[in-house]
Amino acid sequence: MTFSMDKGNEFVGKTQSPEGTAAWKGQLDEFAPGASDWVVGAVFGGTYQREGIDLRTRQLLNIAALAAMGGVEPQLTGHIRTALDVAGMSEQEVGESIIHLMPYIGVPKTLAAMRCMKAAVDG
């Protein structure tokens, strides 16, 4: 797999707000300078560039994984926002996807995911 900082930065620019990008980059780089470069190059300029599934599907997978993990509400909110604003998912599709997870991840994590949905829609 190849990595591309240029493609990663282009993807980040299309899918995230400058404020959101600055926040997560700052958190990573504060104690490990340059760590955000790996995320941009390897994740957004590598994994996200692979063929086989579209951005909509990637976001749906991210939402499911993050909702199941719990404790990652800022990231989940961001991925829900990207699903809605960039990947073409409707609020109903995202909401139903989260509800579909309920028997697998439990009611508390589903409620947390729905709070993230509310934050993504309102914010």
PDB file of N, CA and C in Angstrom:
ATOM      1  N   MET A   1       0.854  -1.169   0.000  1.00  0.00           N
ATOM      2  CA  MET A   1       0.000   0.000   0.000  1.00  0.00           C
ATOM      3  C   MET A   1       0.899   1.230   0.000  1.00  0.00           C
ATOM      4  N   THR A   2       0.518   2.209  -0.782  1.00  0.00           N
ATOM      5  CA  THR A   2       1.283   3.436  -0.816  1.00  0.00           C
ATOM      6  C   THR A   2       0.610   4.500   0.041  1.00  0.00           C
ATOM      7  N   PHE A   3       1.428   5.395   0.547  1.00  0.00           N
ATOM      8  CA  PHE A   3       0.947   6.487   1.375  1.00  0.00           C
ATOM      9  C   PHE A   3       1.247   7.795   0.661  1.00  0.00           C
ATOM     10  N   SER A   4       0.366   8.759   0.810  1.00  0.00           N
ATOM     11  CA  SER A   4       0.563  10.049   0.163  1.00  0.00           C
ATOM     12  C   SER A   4       0.113  11.170   1.081  1.00  0.00           C
ATOM     13  N   MET A   5       1.059  11.991   1.490  1.00  0.00           N
ATOM     14  CA  MET A   5       0.711  13.158   2.308  1.00  0.00           C
ATOM     15  C   MET A   5      -0.182  14.100   1.512  1.00  0.00           C
ATOM     16  N   ASP A   6       0.109  14.265   0.212  1.00  0.00           N
ATOM     17  CA  ASP A   6      -0.697  15.171  -0.608  1.00  0.00           C
ATOM     18  C   ASP A   6      -2.145  14.709  -0.677  1.00  0.00           C
ATOM     19  N   LYS A   7      -2.360  13.418  -0.959  1.00  0.00           N
ATOM     20  CA  LYS A   7      -3.720  12.888  -1.027  1.00  0.00           C
ATOM     21  C   LYS A   7      -4.379  12.927   0.347  1.00  0.00           C
ATOM     22  N   GLY A   8      -3.605  12.659   1.395  1.00  0.00           N
ATOM     23  CA  GLY A   8      -4.137  12.724   2.752  1.00  0.00           C
ATOM     24  C   GLY A   8      -4.578  14.128   3.114  1.00  0.00           C
ATOM     25  N   ASN A   9      -3.736  15.119   2.811  1.00  0.00           N
ATOM     26  CA  ASN A   9      -4.105  16.509   3.101  1.00  0.00           C
ATOM     27  C   ASN A   9      -5.307  16.947   2.272  1.00  0.00           C
ATOM     28  N   GLU A  10      -5.382  16.505   1.022  1.00  0.00           N
ATOM     29  CA  GLU A  10      -6.530  16.830   0.177  1.00  0.00           C
ATOM     30  C   GLU A  10      -7.809  16.237   0.765  1.00  0.00           C
ATOM     31  N   PHE A  11      -7.739  14.971   1.207  1.00  0.00           N
ATOM     32  CA  PHE A  11      -8.901  14.316   1.807  1.00  0.00           C
ATOM     33  C   PHE A  11      -9.337  15.024   3.082  1.00  0.00           C
ATOM     34  N   VAL A  12      -8.387  15.336   3.943  1.00  0.00           N
ATOM     35  CA  VAL A  12      -8.697  16.037   5.191  1.00  0.00           C
ATOM     36  C   VAL A  12      -9.361  17.378   4.886  1.00  0.00           C
ATOM     37  N   GLY A  13      -8.853  18.098   3.913  1.00  0.00           N
ATOM     38  CA  GLY A  13      -9.421  19.383   3.546  1.00  0.00           C
ATOM     39  C   GLY A  13     -10.848  19.294   3.050  1.00  0.00           C
ATOM     40  N   LYS A  14     -11.187  18.167   2.395  1.00  0.00           N
ATOM     41  CA  LYS A  14     -12.539  17.978   1.865  1.00  0.00           C
ATOM     42  C   LYS A  14     -13.521  17.469   2.914  1.00  0.00           C
ATOM     43  N   THR A  15     -13.034  16.792   3.935  1.00  0.00           N
ATOM     44  CA  THR A  15     -13.932  16.093   4.847  1.00  0.00           C
ATOM     45  C   THR A  15     -13.987  16.652   6.265  1.00  0.00           C
ATOM     46  N   GLN A  16     -13.075  17.553   6.614  1.00  0.00           N
ATOM     47  CA  GLN A  16     -13.022  18.038   7.991  1.00  0.00           C
ATOM     48  C   GLN A  16     -12.927  19.555   8.021  1.00  0.00           C
ATOM     49  N   SER A  17     -13.425  20.133   9.068  1.00  0.00           N
ATOM     50  CA  SER A  17     -13.292  21.577   9.238  1.00  0.00           C
ATOM     51  C   SER A  17     -11.860  21.895   9.660  1.00  0.00           C
ATOM     52  N   PRO A  18     -11.399  23.091   9.329  1.00  0.00           N
ATOM     53  CA  PRO A  18     -10.055  23.475   9.786  1.00  0.00           C
ATOM     54  C   PRO A  18      -9.918  23.415  11.307  1.00  0.00           C
ATOM     55  N   GLU A  19     -10.979  23.793  12.019  1.00  0.00           N
ATOM     56  CA  GLU A  19     -10.931  23.765  13.493  1.00  0.00           C
ATOM     57  C   GLU A  19     -10.825  22.334  14.015  1.00  0.00           C
ATOM     58  N   GLY A  20     -11.624  21.439  13.436  1.00  0.00           N
ATOM     59  CA  GLY A  20     -11.573  20.040  13.848  1.00  0.00           C
ATOM     60  C   GLY A  20     -10.227  19.409  13.560  1.00  0.00           C
ATOM     61  N   THR A  21      -9.694  19.708  12.381  1.00  0.00           N
ATOM     62  CA  THR A  21      -8.379  19.179  12.003  1.00  0.00           C
ATOM     63  C   THR A  21      -7.309  19.672  12.961  1.00  0.00           C
ATOM     64  N   ALA A  22      -7.332  20.972  13.243  1.00  0.00           N
ATOM     65  CA  ALA A  22      -6.334  21.539  14.155  1.00  0.00           C
ATOM     66  C   ALA A  22      -6.424  20.900  15.535  1.00  0.00           C
ATOM     67  N   ALA A  23      -7.647  20.592  15.972  1.00  0.00           N
ATOM     68  CA  ALA A  23      -7.826  20.008  17.306  1.00  0.00           C
ATOM     69  C   ALA A  23      -7.178  18.639  17.404  1.00  0.00           C
ATOM     70  N   TRP A  24      -7.504  17.719  16.469  1.00  0.00           N
ATOM     71  CA  TRP A  24      -6.934  16.375  16.604  1.00  0.00           C
ATOM     72  C   TRP A  24      -5.435  16.367  16.307  1.00  0.00           C
ATOM     73  N   LYS A  25      -4.993  17.200  15.376  1.00  0.00           N
ATOM     74  CA  LYS A  25      -3.549  17.270  15.121  1.00  0.00           C
ATOM     75  C   LYS A  25      -2.811  17.779  16.352  1.00  0.00           C
ATOM     76  N   GLY A  26      -3.370  18.798  16.996  1.00  0.00           N
ATOM     77  CA  GLY A  26      -2.751  19.336  18.201  1.00  0.00           C
ATOM     78  C   GLY A  26      -2.660  18.317  19.314  1.00  0.00           C
ATOM     79  N   GLN A  27      -3.720  17.519  19.477  1.00  0.00           N
ATOM     80  CA  GLN A  27      -3.715  16.496  20.525  1.00  0.00           C
ATOM     81  C   GLN A  27      -2.633  15.452  20.266  1.00  0.00           C
ATOM     82  N   LEU A  28      -2.482  15.047  19.025  1.00  0.00           N
ATOM     83  CA  LEU A  28      -1.469  14.034  18.706  1.00  0.00           C
ATOM     84  C   LEU A  28      -0.058  14.590  18.800  1.00  0.00           C
ATOM     85  N   ASP A  29       0.126  15.794  18.297  1.00  0.00           N
ATOM     86  CA  ASP A  29       1.478  16.351  18.178  1.00  0.00           C
ATOM     87  C   ASP A  29       2.011  17.004  19.448  1.00  0.00           C
ATOM     88  N   GLU A  30       1.127  17.295  20.406  1.00  0.00           N
ATOM     89  CA  GLU A  30       1.581  17.985  21.616  1.00  0.00           C
ATOM     90  C   GLU A  30       2.704  17.227  22.316  1.00  0.00           C
ATOM     91  N   PHE A  31       2.537  15.932  22.470  1.00  0.00           N
ATOM     92  CA  PHE A  31       3.543  15.147  23.181  1.00  0.00           C
ATOM     93  C   PHE A  31       4.309  14.198  22.269  1.00  0.00           C
ATOM     94  N   ALA A  32       3.899  14.139  21.015  1.00  0.00           N
ATOM     95  CA  ALA A  32       4.592  13.299  20.030  1.00  0.00           C
ATOM     96  C   ALA A  32       4.610  14.050  18.702  1.00  0.00           C
ATOM     97  N   PRO A  33       5.476  15.054  18.598  1.00  0.00           N
ATOM     98  CA  PRO A  33       5.506  15.873  17.396  1.00  0.00           C
ATOM     99  C   PRO A  33       5.621  15.027  16.120  1.00  0.00           C
ATOM    100  N   GLY A  34       4.772  15.369  15.143  1.00  0.00           N
ATOM    101  CA  GLY A  34       4.780  14.655  13.876  1.00  0.00           C
ATOM    102  C   GLY A  34       3.836  13.468  13.811  1.00  0.00           C
ATOM    103  N   ALA A  35       3.224  13.105  14.931  1.00  0.00           N
ATOM    104  CA  ALA A  35       2.324  11.942  14.928  1.00  0.00           C
ATOM    105  C   ALA A  35       1.149  12.146  13.982  1.00  0.00           C
ATOM    106  N   SER A  36       0.676  13.378  13.870  1.00  0.00           N
ATOM    107  CA  SER A  36      -0.457  13.633  12.972  1.00  0.00           C
ATOM    108  C   SER A  36      -0.075  13.412  11.516  1.00  0.00           C
ATOM    109  N   ASP A  37       1.210  13.558  11.191  1.00  0.00           N
ATOM    110  CA  ASP A  37       1.649  13.293   9.820  1.00  0.00           C
ATOM    111  C   ASP A  37       1.392  11.835   9.437  1.00  0.00           C
ATOM    112  N   TRP A  38       1.584  10.933  10.392  1.00  0.00           N
ATOM    113  CA  TRP A  38       1.316   9.517  10.113  1.00  0.00           C
ATOM    114  C   TRP A  38      -0.161   9.315   9.804  1.00  0.00           C
ATOM    115  N   VAL A  39      -1.039   9.928  10.591  1.00  0.00           N
ATOM    116  CA  VAL A  39      -2.479   9.779  10.356  1.00  0.00           C
ATOM    117  C   VAL A  39      -2.834  10.329   8.976  1.00  0.00           C
ATOM    118  N   VAL A  40      -2.336  11.504   8.656  1.00  0.00           N
ATOM    119  CA  VAL A  40      -2.644  12.108   7.357  1.00  0.00           C
ATOM    120  C   VAL A  40      -2.126  11.232   6.222  1.00  0.00           C
ATOM    121  N   GLY A  41      -0.883  10.818   6.299  1.00  0.00           N
ATOM    122  CA  GLY A  41      -0.281  10.041   5.214  1.00  0.00           C
ATOM    123  C   GLY A  41      -0.768   8.611   5.129  1.00  0.00           C
ATOM    124  N   ALA A  42      -0.748   7.905   6.250  1.00  0.00           N
ATOM    125  CA  ALA A  42      -1.070   6.470   6.238  1.00  0.00           C
ATOM    126  C   ALA A  42      -2.568   6.199   6.223  1.00  0.00           C
ATOM    127  N   VAL A  43      -3.326   6.939   7.021  1.00  0.00           N
ATOM    128  CA  VAL A  43      -4.766   6.679   7.113  1.00  0.00           C
ATOM    129  C   VAL A  43      -5.505   7.381   5.977  1.00  0.00           C
ATOM    130  N   PHE A  44      -5.413   8.716   5.951  1.00  0.00           N
ATOM    131  CA  PHE A  44      -6.187   9.460   4.956  1.00  0.00           C
ATOM    132  C   PHE A  44      -5.548   9.437   3.572  1.00  0.00           C
ATOM    133  N   GLY A  45      -4.242   9.310   3.512  1.00  0.00           N
ATOM    134  CA  GLY A  45      -3.553   9.235   2.224  1.00  0.00           C
ATOM    135  C   GLY A  45      -3.204   7.817   1.821  1.00  0.00           C
ATOM    136  N   GLY A  46      -3.624   6.843   2.615  1.00  0.00           N
ATOM    137  CA  GLY A  46      -3.348   5.438   2.325  1.00  0.00           C
ATOM    138  C   GLY A  46      -4.617   4.613   2.380  1.00  0.00           C
ATOM    139  N   THR A  47      -5.036   4.264   3.584  1.00  0.00           N
ATOM    140  CA  THR A  47      -6.210   3.406   3.764  1.00  0.00           C
ATOM    141  C   THR A  47      -7.439   3.968   3.064  1.00  0.00           C
ATOM    142  N   TYR A  48      -7.699   5.255   3.231  1.00  0.00           N
ATOM    143  CA  TYR A  48      -8.891   5.867   2.622  1.00  0.00           C
ATOM    144  C   TYR A  48      -8.804   5.938   1.099  1.00  0.00           C
ATOM    145  N   GLN A  49      -7.620   5.779   0.540  1.00  0.00           N
ATOM    146  CA  GLN A  49      -7.439   5.866  -0.911  1.00  0.00           C
ATOM    147  C   GLN A  49      -7.579   4.508  -1.603  1.00  0.00           C
ATOM    148  N   ARG A  50      -7.696   3.454  -0.841  1.00  0.00           N
ATOM    149  CA  ARG A  50      -7.793   2.121  -1.432  1.00  0.00           C
ATOM    150  C   ARG A  50      -9.093   1.964  -2.206  1.00  0.00           C
ATOM    151  N   GLU A  51      -9.031   1.176  -3.245  1.00  0.00           N
ATOM    152  CA  GLU A  51     -10.220   0.876  -4.033  1.00  0.00           C
ATOM    153  C   GLU A  51     -11.015  -0.223  -3.347  1.00  0.00           C
ATOM    154  N   GLY A  52     -12.263  -0.365  -3.736  1.00  0.00           N
ATOM    155  CA  GLY A  52     -13.060  -1.471  -3.231  1.00  0.00           C
ATOM    156  C   GLY A  52     -14.299  -1.060  -2.472  1.00  0.00           C
ATOM    157  N   ILE A  53     -14.204   0.019  -1.692  1.00  0.00           N
ATOM    158  CA  ILE A  53     -15.392   0.538  -1.012  1.00  0.00           C
ATOM    159  C   ILE A  53     -15.365   2.056  -1.109  1.00  0.00           C
ATOM    160  N   ASP A  54     -16.537   2.640  -1.142  1.00  0.00           N
ATOM    161  CA  ASP A  54     -16.648   4.086  -1.269  1.00  0.00           C
ATOM    162  C   ASP A  54     -16.632   4.760   0.097  1.00  0.00           C
ATOM    163  N   LEU A  55     -16.587   6.098   0.069  1.00  0.00           N
ATOM    164  CA  LEU A  55     -16.520   6.865   1.317  1.00  0.00           C
ATOM    165  C   LEU A  55     -17.741   6.620   2.193  1.00  0.00           C
ATOM    166  N   ARG A  56     -18.910   6.487   1.592  1.00  0.00           N
ATOM    167  CA  ARG A  56     -20.138   6.234   2.348  1.00  0.00           C
ATOM    168  C   ARG A  56     -19.997   4.949   3.173  1.00  0.00           C
ATOM    169  N   THR A  57     -19.512   3.896   2.548  1.00  0.00           N
ATOM    170  CA  THR A  57     -19.328   2.617   3.229  1.00  0.00           C
ATOM    171  C   THR A  57     -18.255   2.733   4.303  1.00  0.00           C
ATOM    172  N   ARG A  58     -17.182   3.425   4.007  1.00  0.00           N
ATOM    173  CA  ARG A  58     -16.116   3.620   5.005  1.00  0.00           C
ATOM    174  C   ARG A  58     -16.664   4.340   6.237  1.00  0.00           C
ATOM    175  N   GLN A  59     -17.465   5.371   6.020  1.00  0.00           N
ATOM    176  CA  GLN A  59     -18.029   6.109   7.145  1.00  0.00           C
ATOM    177  C   GLN A  59     -18.986   5.247   7.953  1.00  0.00           C
ATOM    178  N   LEU A  60     -19.767   4.439   7.282  1.00  0.00           N
ATOM    179  CA  LEU A  60     -20.672   3.534   7.984  1.00  0.00           C
ATOM    180  C   LEU A  60     -19.882   2.550   8.852  1.00  0.00           C
ATOM    181  N   LEU A  61     -18.794   2.029   8.325  1.00  0.00           N
ATOM    182  CA  LEU A  61     -17.937   1.131   9.102  1.00  0.00           C
ATOM    183  C   LEU A  61     -17.303   1.861  10.286  1.00  0.00           C
ATOM    184  N   ASN A  62     -16.839   3.086  10.048  1.00  0.00           N
ATOM    185  CA  ASN A  62     -16.241   3.871  11.134  1.00  0.00           C
ATOM    186  C   ASN A  62     -17.247   4.130  12.243  1.00  0.00           C
ATOM    187  N   ILE A  63     -18.475   4.506  11.855  1.00  0.00           N
ATOM    188  CA  ILE A  63     -19.516   4.765  12.846  1.00  0.00           C
ATOM    189  C   ILE A  63     -19.782   3.518  13.672  1.00  0.00           C
ATOM    190  N   ALA A  64     -19.905   2.374  13.016  1.00  0.00           N
ATOM    191  CA  ALA A  64     -20.172   1.127  13.740  1.00  0.00           C
ATOM    192  C   ALA A  64     -19.031   0.785  14.691  1.00  0.00           C
ATOM    193  N   ALA A  65     -17.800   0.895  14.228  1.00  0.00           N
ATOM    194  CA  ALA A  65     -16.652   0.550  15.061  1.00  0.00           C
ATOM    195  C   ALA A  65     -16.530   1.495  16.258  1.00  0.00           C
ATOM    196  N   LEU A  66     -16.660   2.786  16.010  1.00  0.00           N
ATOM    197  CA  LEU A  66     -16.519   3.758  17.095  1.00  0.00           C
ATOM    198  C   LEU A  66     -17.657   3.658  18.099  1.00  0.00           C
ATOM    199  N   ALA A  67     -18.881   3.440  17.611  1.00  0.00           N
ATOM    200  CA  ALA A  67     -20.013   3.269  18.530  1.00  0.00           C
ATOM    201  C   ALA A  67     -19.802   2.036  19.399  1.00  0.00           C
ATOM    202  N   ALA A  68     -19.290   0.968  18.817  1.00  0.00           N
ATOM    203  CA  ALA A  68     -19.052  -0.264  19.574  1.00  0.00           C
ATOM    204  C   ALA A  68     -17.942  -0.082  20.610  1.00  0.00           C
ATOM    205  N   MET A  69     -16.933   0.710  20.268  1.00  0.00           N
ATOM    206  CA  MET A  69     -15.827   0.933  21.196  1.00  0.00           C
ATOM    207  C   MET A  69     -16.284   1.728  22.416  1.00  0.00           C
ATOM    208  N   GLY A  70     -17.039   2.787  22.171  1.00  0.00           N
ATOM    209  CA  GLY A  70     -17.410   3.683  23.253  1.00  0.00           C
ATOM    210  C   GLY A  70     -16.215   4.480  23.734  1.00  0.00           C
ATOM    211  N   GLY A  71     -16.479   5.597  24.387  1.00  0.00           N
ATOM    212  CA  GLY A  71     -15.405   6.413  24.928  1.00  0.00           C
ATOM    213  C   GLY A  71     -14.667   7.243  23.890  1.00  0.00           C
ATOM    214  N   VAL A  72     -15.181   7.277  22.671  1.00  0.00           N
ATOM    215  CA  VAL A  72     -14.535   8.017  21.584  1.00  0.00           C
ATOM    216  C   VAL A  72     -15.554   8.958  20.929  1.00  0.00           C
ATOM    217  N   GLU A  73     -16.334   9.611  21.776  1.00  0.00           N
ATOM    218  CA  GLU A  73     -17.441  10.426  21.281  1.00  0.00           C
ATOM    219  C   GLU A  73     -17.019  11.542  20.341  1.00  0.00           C
ATOM    220  N   PRO A  74     -15.908  12.253  20.587  1.00  0.00           N
ATOM    221  CA  PRO A  74     -15.528  13.292  19.618  1.00  0.00           C
ATOM    222  C   PRO A  74     -15.268  12.726  18.218  1.00  0.00           C
ATOM    223  N   GLN A  75     -14.603  11.580  18.156  1.00  0.00           N
ATOM    224  CA  GLN A  75     -14.325  10.960  16.865  1.00  0.00           C
ATOM    225  C   GLN A  75     -15.612  10.459  16.211  1.00  0.00           C
ATOM    226  N   LEU A  76     -16.493   9.850  17.012  1.00  0.00           N
ATOM    227  CA  LEU A  76     -17.760   9.362  16.476  1.00  0.00           C
ATOM    228  C   LEU A  76     -18.593  10.519  15.934  1.00  0.00           C
ATOM    229  N   THR A  77     -18.666  11.610  16.665  1.00  0.00           N
ATOM    230  CA  THR A  77     -19.401  12.779  16.197  1.00  0.00           C
ATOM    231  C   THR A  77     -18.829  13.285  14.880  1.00  0.00           C
ATOM    232  N   GLY A  78     -17.525  13.329  14.777  1.00  0.00           N
ATOM    233  CA  GLY A  78     -16.879  13.774  13.540  1.00  0.00           C
ATOM    234  C   GLY A  78     -17.185  12.870  12.355  1.00  0.00           C
ATOM    235  N   HIS A  79     -17.162  11.580  12.580  1.00  0.00           N
ATOM    236  CA  HIS A  79     -17.453  10.648  11.485  1.00  0.00           C
ATOM    237  C   HIS A  79     -18.927  10.686  11.093  1.00  0.00           C
ATOM    238  N   ILE A  80     -19.799  10.907  12.058  1.00  0.00           N
ATOM    239  CA  ILE A  80     -21.221  11.073  11.719  1.00  0.00           C
ATOM    240  C   ILE A  80     -21.393  12.337  10.875  1.00  0.00           C
ATOM    241  N   ARG A  81     -20.728  13.406  11.275  1.00  0.00           N
ATOM    242  CA  ARG A  81     -20.804  14.664  10.519  1.00  0.00           C
ATOM    243  C   ARG A  81     -20.296  14.457   9.090  1.00  0.00           C
ATOM    244  N   THR A  82     -19.192  13.742   8.929  1.00  0.00           N
ATOM    245  CA  THR A  82     -18.663  13.462   7.588  1.00  0.00           C
ATOM    246  C   THR A  82     -19.632  12.610   6.791  1.00  0.00           C
ATOM    247  N   ALA A  83     -20.245  11.623   7.432  1.00  0.00           N
ATOM    248  CA  ALA A  83     -21.230  10.783   6.743  1.00  0.00           C
ATOM    249  C   ALA A  83     -22.374  11.620   6.208  1.00  0.00           C
ATOM    250  N   LEU A  84     -22.826  12.576   7.005  1.00  0.00           N
ATOM    251  CA  LEU A  84     -23.955  13.423   6.617  1.00  0.00           C
ATOM    252  C   LEU A  84     -23.561  14.492   5.605  1.00  0.00           C
ATOM    253  N   ASP A  85     -22.449  15.165   5.850  1.00  0.00           N
ATOM    254  CA  ASP A  85     -22.085  16.337   5.052  1.00  0.00           C
ATOM    255  C   ASP A  85     -21.291  16.023   3.797  1.00  0.00           C
ATOM    256  N   VAL A  86     -20.541  14.919   3.809  1.00  0.00           N
ATOM    257  CA  VAL A  86     -19.637  14.643   2.697  1.00  0.00           C
ATOM    258  C   VAL A  86     -19.975  13.338   1.985  1.00  0.00           C
ATOM    259  N   ALA A  87     -20.334  12.310   2.740  1.00  0.00           N
ATOM    260  CA  ALA A  87     -20.520  10.978   2.151  1.00  0.00           C
ATOM    261  C   ALA A  87     -21.931  10.730   1.631  1.00  0.00           C
ATOM    262  N   GLY A  88     -22.824  11.685   1.793  1.00  0.00           N
ATOM    263  CA  GLY A  88     -24.149  11.573   1.205  1.00  0.00           C
ATOM    264  C   GLY A  88     -25.166  10.742   1.962  1.00  0.00           C
ATOM    265  N   MET A  89     -24.898  10.441   3.212  1.00  0.00           N
ATOM    266  CA  MET A  89     -25.875   9.699   4.004  1.00  0.00           C
ATOM    267  C   MET A  89     -26.919  10.661   4.566  1.00  0.00           C
ATOM    268  N   SER A  90     -28.138  10.180   4.702  1.00  0.00           N
ATOM    269  CA  SER A  90     -29.201  10.989   5.305  1.00  0.00           C
ATOM    270  C   SER A  90     -29.191  10.776   6.819  1.00  0.00           C
ATOM    271  N   GLU A  91     -29.840  11.682   7.528  1.00  0.00           N
ATOM    272  CA  GLU A  91     -29.974  11.525   8.978  1.00  0.00           C
ATOM    273  C   GLU A  91     -30.686  10.220   9.303  1.00  0.00           C
ATOM    274  N   GLN A  92     -31.700   9.874   8.528  1.00  0.00           N
ATOM    275  CA  GLN A  92     -32.424   8.628   8.775  1.00  0.00           C
ATOM    276  C   GLN A  92     -31.510   7.416   8.600  1.00  0.00           C
ATOM    277  N   GLU A  93     -30.682   7.415   7.565  1.00  0.00           N
ATOM    278  CA  GLU A  93     -29.776   6.278   7.351  1.00  0.00           C
ATOM    279  C   GLU A  93     -28.786   6.128   8.493  1.00  0.00           C
ATOM    280  N   VAL A  94     -28.208   7.228   8.942  1.00  0.00           N
ATOM    281  CA  VAL A  94     -27.253   7.156  10.050  1.00  0.00           C
ATOM    282  C   VAL A  94     -27.966   6.714  11.321  1.00  0.00           C
ATOM    283  N   GLY A  95     -29.120   7.321  11.602  1.00  0.00           N
ATOM    284  CA  GLY A  95     -29.875   6.955  12.802  1.00  0.00           C
ATOM    285  C   GLY A  95     -30.271   5.493  12.801  1.00  0.00           C
ATOM    286  N   GLU A  96     -30.772   5.006  11.684  1.00  0.00           N
ATOM    287  CA  GLU A  96     -31.168   3.592  11.600  1.00  0.00           C
ATOM    288  C   GLU A  96     -29.960   2.669  11.700  1.00  0.00           C
ATOM    289  N   SER A  97     -28.826   3.111  11.173  1.00  0.00           N
ATOM    290  CA  SER A  97     -27.610   2.304  11.292  1.00  0.00           C
ATOM    291  C   SER A  97     -27.200   2.145  12.752  1.00  0.00           C
ATOM    292  N   ILE A  98     -27.304   3.236  13.493  1.00  0.00           N
ATOM    293  CA  ILE A  98     -26.971   3.179  14.917  1.00  0.00           C
ATOM    294  C   ILE A  98     -27.967   2.288  15.654  1.00  0.00           C
ATOM    295  N   ILE A  99     -29.257   2.430  15.364  1.00  0.00           N
ATOM    296  CA  ILE A  99     -30.265   1.579  16.002  1.00  0.00           C
ATOM    297  C   ILE A  99     -30.029   0.111  15.661  1.00  0.00           C
ATOM    298  N   HIS A 100     -29.599  -0.161  14.436  1.00  0.00           N
ATOM    299  CA  HIS A 100     -29.319  -1.548  14.046  1.00  0.00           C
ATOM    300  C   HIS A 100     -28.228  -2.161  14.927  1.00  0.00           C
ATOM    301  N   LEU A 101     -27.323  -1.338  15.421  1.00  0.00           N
ATOM    302  CA  LEU A 101     -26.233  -1.821  16.274  1.00  0.00           C
ATOM    303  C   LEU A 101     -26.686  -2.196  17.683  1.00  0.00           C
ATOM    304  N   MET A 102     -27.847  -1.691  18.108  1.00  0.00           N
ATOM    305  CA  MET A 102     -28.268  -1.824  19.508  1.00  0.00           C
ATOM    306  C   MET A 102     -28.192  -3.255  20.054  1.00  0.00           C
ATOM    307  N   PRO A 103     -28.697  -4.284  19.354  1.00  0.00           N
ATOM    308  CA  PRO A 103     -28.608  -5.617  19.943  1.00  0.00           C
ATOM    309  C   PRO A 103     -27.170  -6.140  20.037  1.00  0.00           C
ATOM    310  N   TYR A 104     -26.269  -5.519  19.307  1.00  0.00           N
ATOM    311  CA  TYR A 104     -24.875  -5.976  19.279  1.00  0.00           C
ATOM    312  C   TYR A 104     -23.980  -5.203  20.239  1.00  0.00           C
ATOM    313  N   ILE A 105     -24.266  -3.895  20.424  1.00  0.00           N
ATOM    314  CA  ILE A 105     -23.394  -3.071  21.267  1.00  0.00           C
ATOM    315  C   ILE A 105     -24.051  -2.660  22.575  1.00  0.00           C
ATOM    316  N   GLY A 106     -25.364  -2.860  22.690  1.00  0.00           N
ATOM    317  CA  GLY A 106     -26.077  -2.543  23.917  1.00  0.00           C
ATOM    318  C   GLY A 106     -26.723  -1.161  23.887  1.00  0.00           C
ATOM    319  N   VAL A 107     -27.681  -0.999  24.780  1.00  0.00           N
ATOM    320  CA  VAL A 107     -28.437   0.244  24.846  1.00  0.00           C
ATOM    321  C   VAL A 107     -27.566   1.424  25.282  1.00  0.00           C
ATOM    322  N   PRO A 108     -26.709   1.312  26.316  1.00  0.00           N
ATOM    323  CA  PRO A 108     -25.917   2.470  26.726  1.00  0.00           C
ATOM    324  C   PRO A 108     -25.025   3.019  25.602  1.00  0.00           C
ATOM    325  N   LYS A 109     -24.356   2.156  24.862  1.00  0.00           N
ATOM    326  CA  LYS A 109     -23.509   2.631  23.769  1.00  0.00           C
ATOM    327  C   LYS A 109     -24.352   3.191  22.629  1.00  0.00           C
ATOM    328  N   THR A 110     -25.530   2.627  22.413  1.00  0.00           N
ATOM    329  CA  THR A 110     -26.429   3.171  21.398  1.00  0.00           C
ATOM    330  C   THR A 110     -26.888   4.564  21.801  1.00  0.00           C
ATOM    331  N   LEU A 111     -27.238   4.748  23.068  1.00  0.00           N
ATOM    332  CA  LEU A 111     -27.638   6.077  23.540  1.00  0.00           C
ATOM    333  C   LEU A 111     -26.487   7.076  23.397  1.00  0.00           C
ATOM    334  N   ALA A 112     -25.276   6.650  23.709  1.00  0.00           N
ATOM    335  CA  ALA A 112     -24.114   7.530  23.542  1.00  0.00           C
ATOM    336  C   ALA A 112     -23.930   7.900  22.075  1.00  0.00           C
ATOM    337  N   ALA A 113     -24.098   6.932  21.194  1.00  0.00           N
ATOM    338  CA  ALA A 113     -23.979   7.198  19.753  1.00  0.00           C
ATOM    339  C   ALA A 113     -25.060   8.168  19.285  1.00  0.00           C
ATOM    340  N   MET A 114     -26.254   8.040  19.827  1.00  0.00           N
ATOM    341  CA  MET A 114     -27.334   8.960  19.460  1.00  0.00           C
ATOM    342  C   MET A 114     -27.061  10.371  19.965  1.00  0.00           C
ATOM    343  N   ARG A 115     -26.395  10.493  21.113  1.00  0.00           N
ATOM    344  CA  ARG A 115     -25.978  11.830  21.573  1.00  0.00           C
ATOM    345  C   ARG A 115     -24.969  12.432  20.592  1.00  0.00           C
ATOM    346  N   CYS A 116     -24.086  11.585  20.076  1.00  0.00           N
ATOM    347  CA  CYS A 116     -23.125  12.037  19.070  1.00  0.00           C
ATOM    348  C   CYS A 116     -23.853  12.443  17.784  1.00  0.00           C
ATOM    349  N   MET A 117     -24.880  11.691  17.432  1.00  0.00           N
ATOM    350  CA  MET A 117     -25.684  12.033  16.260  1.00  0.00           C
ATOM    351  C   MET A 117     -26.306  13.417  16.456  1.00  0.00           C
ATOM    352  N   LYS A 118     -26.870  13.646  17.627  1.00  0.00           N
ATOM    353  CA  LYS A 118     -27.496  14.932  17.937  1.00  0.00           C
ATOM    354  C   LYS A 118     -26.458  16.057  17.839  1.00  0.00           C
ATOM    355  N   ALA A 119     -25.272  15.831  18.393  1.00  0.00           N
ATOM    356  CA  ALA A 119     -24.219  16.839  18.338  1.00  0.00           C
ATOM    357  C   ALA A 119     -23.784  17.109  16.896  1.00  0.00           C
ATOM    358  N   ALA A 120     -23.705  16.053  16.087  1.00  0.00           N
ATOM    359  CA  ALA A 120     -23.300  16.224  14.689  1.00  0.00           C
ATOM    360  C   ALA A 120     -24.348  17.004  13.913  1.00  0.00           C
ATOM    361  N   VAL A 121     -25.595  16.723  14.145  1.00  0.00           N
ATOM    362  CA  VAL A 121     -26.691  17.396  13.434  1.00  0.00           C
ATOM    363  C   VAL A 121     -26.808  18.861  13.891  1.00  0.00           C
ATOM    364  N   ASP A 122     -26.678  19.079  15.185  1.00  0.00           N
ATOM    365  CA  ASP A 122     -26.848  20.437  15.732  1.00  0.00           C
ATOM    366  C   ASP A 122     -25.619  21.322  15.543  1.00  0.00           C
ATOM    367  N   GLY A 123     -24.467  20.667  15.386  1.00  0.00           N
ATOM    368  CA  GLY A 123     -23.257  21.462  15.431  1.00  0.00           C
ATOM    369  C   GLY A 123     -22.596  21.742  14.178  1.00  0.00           C
TER     370      GLY A 123
END
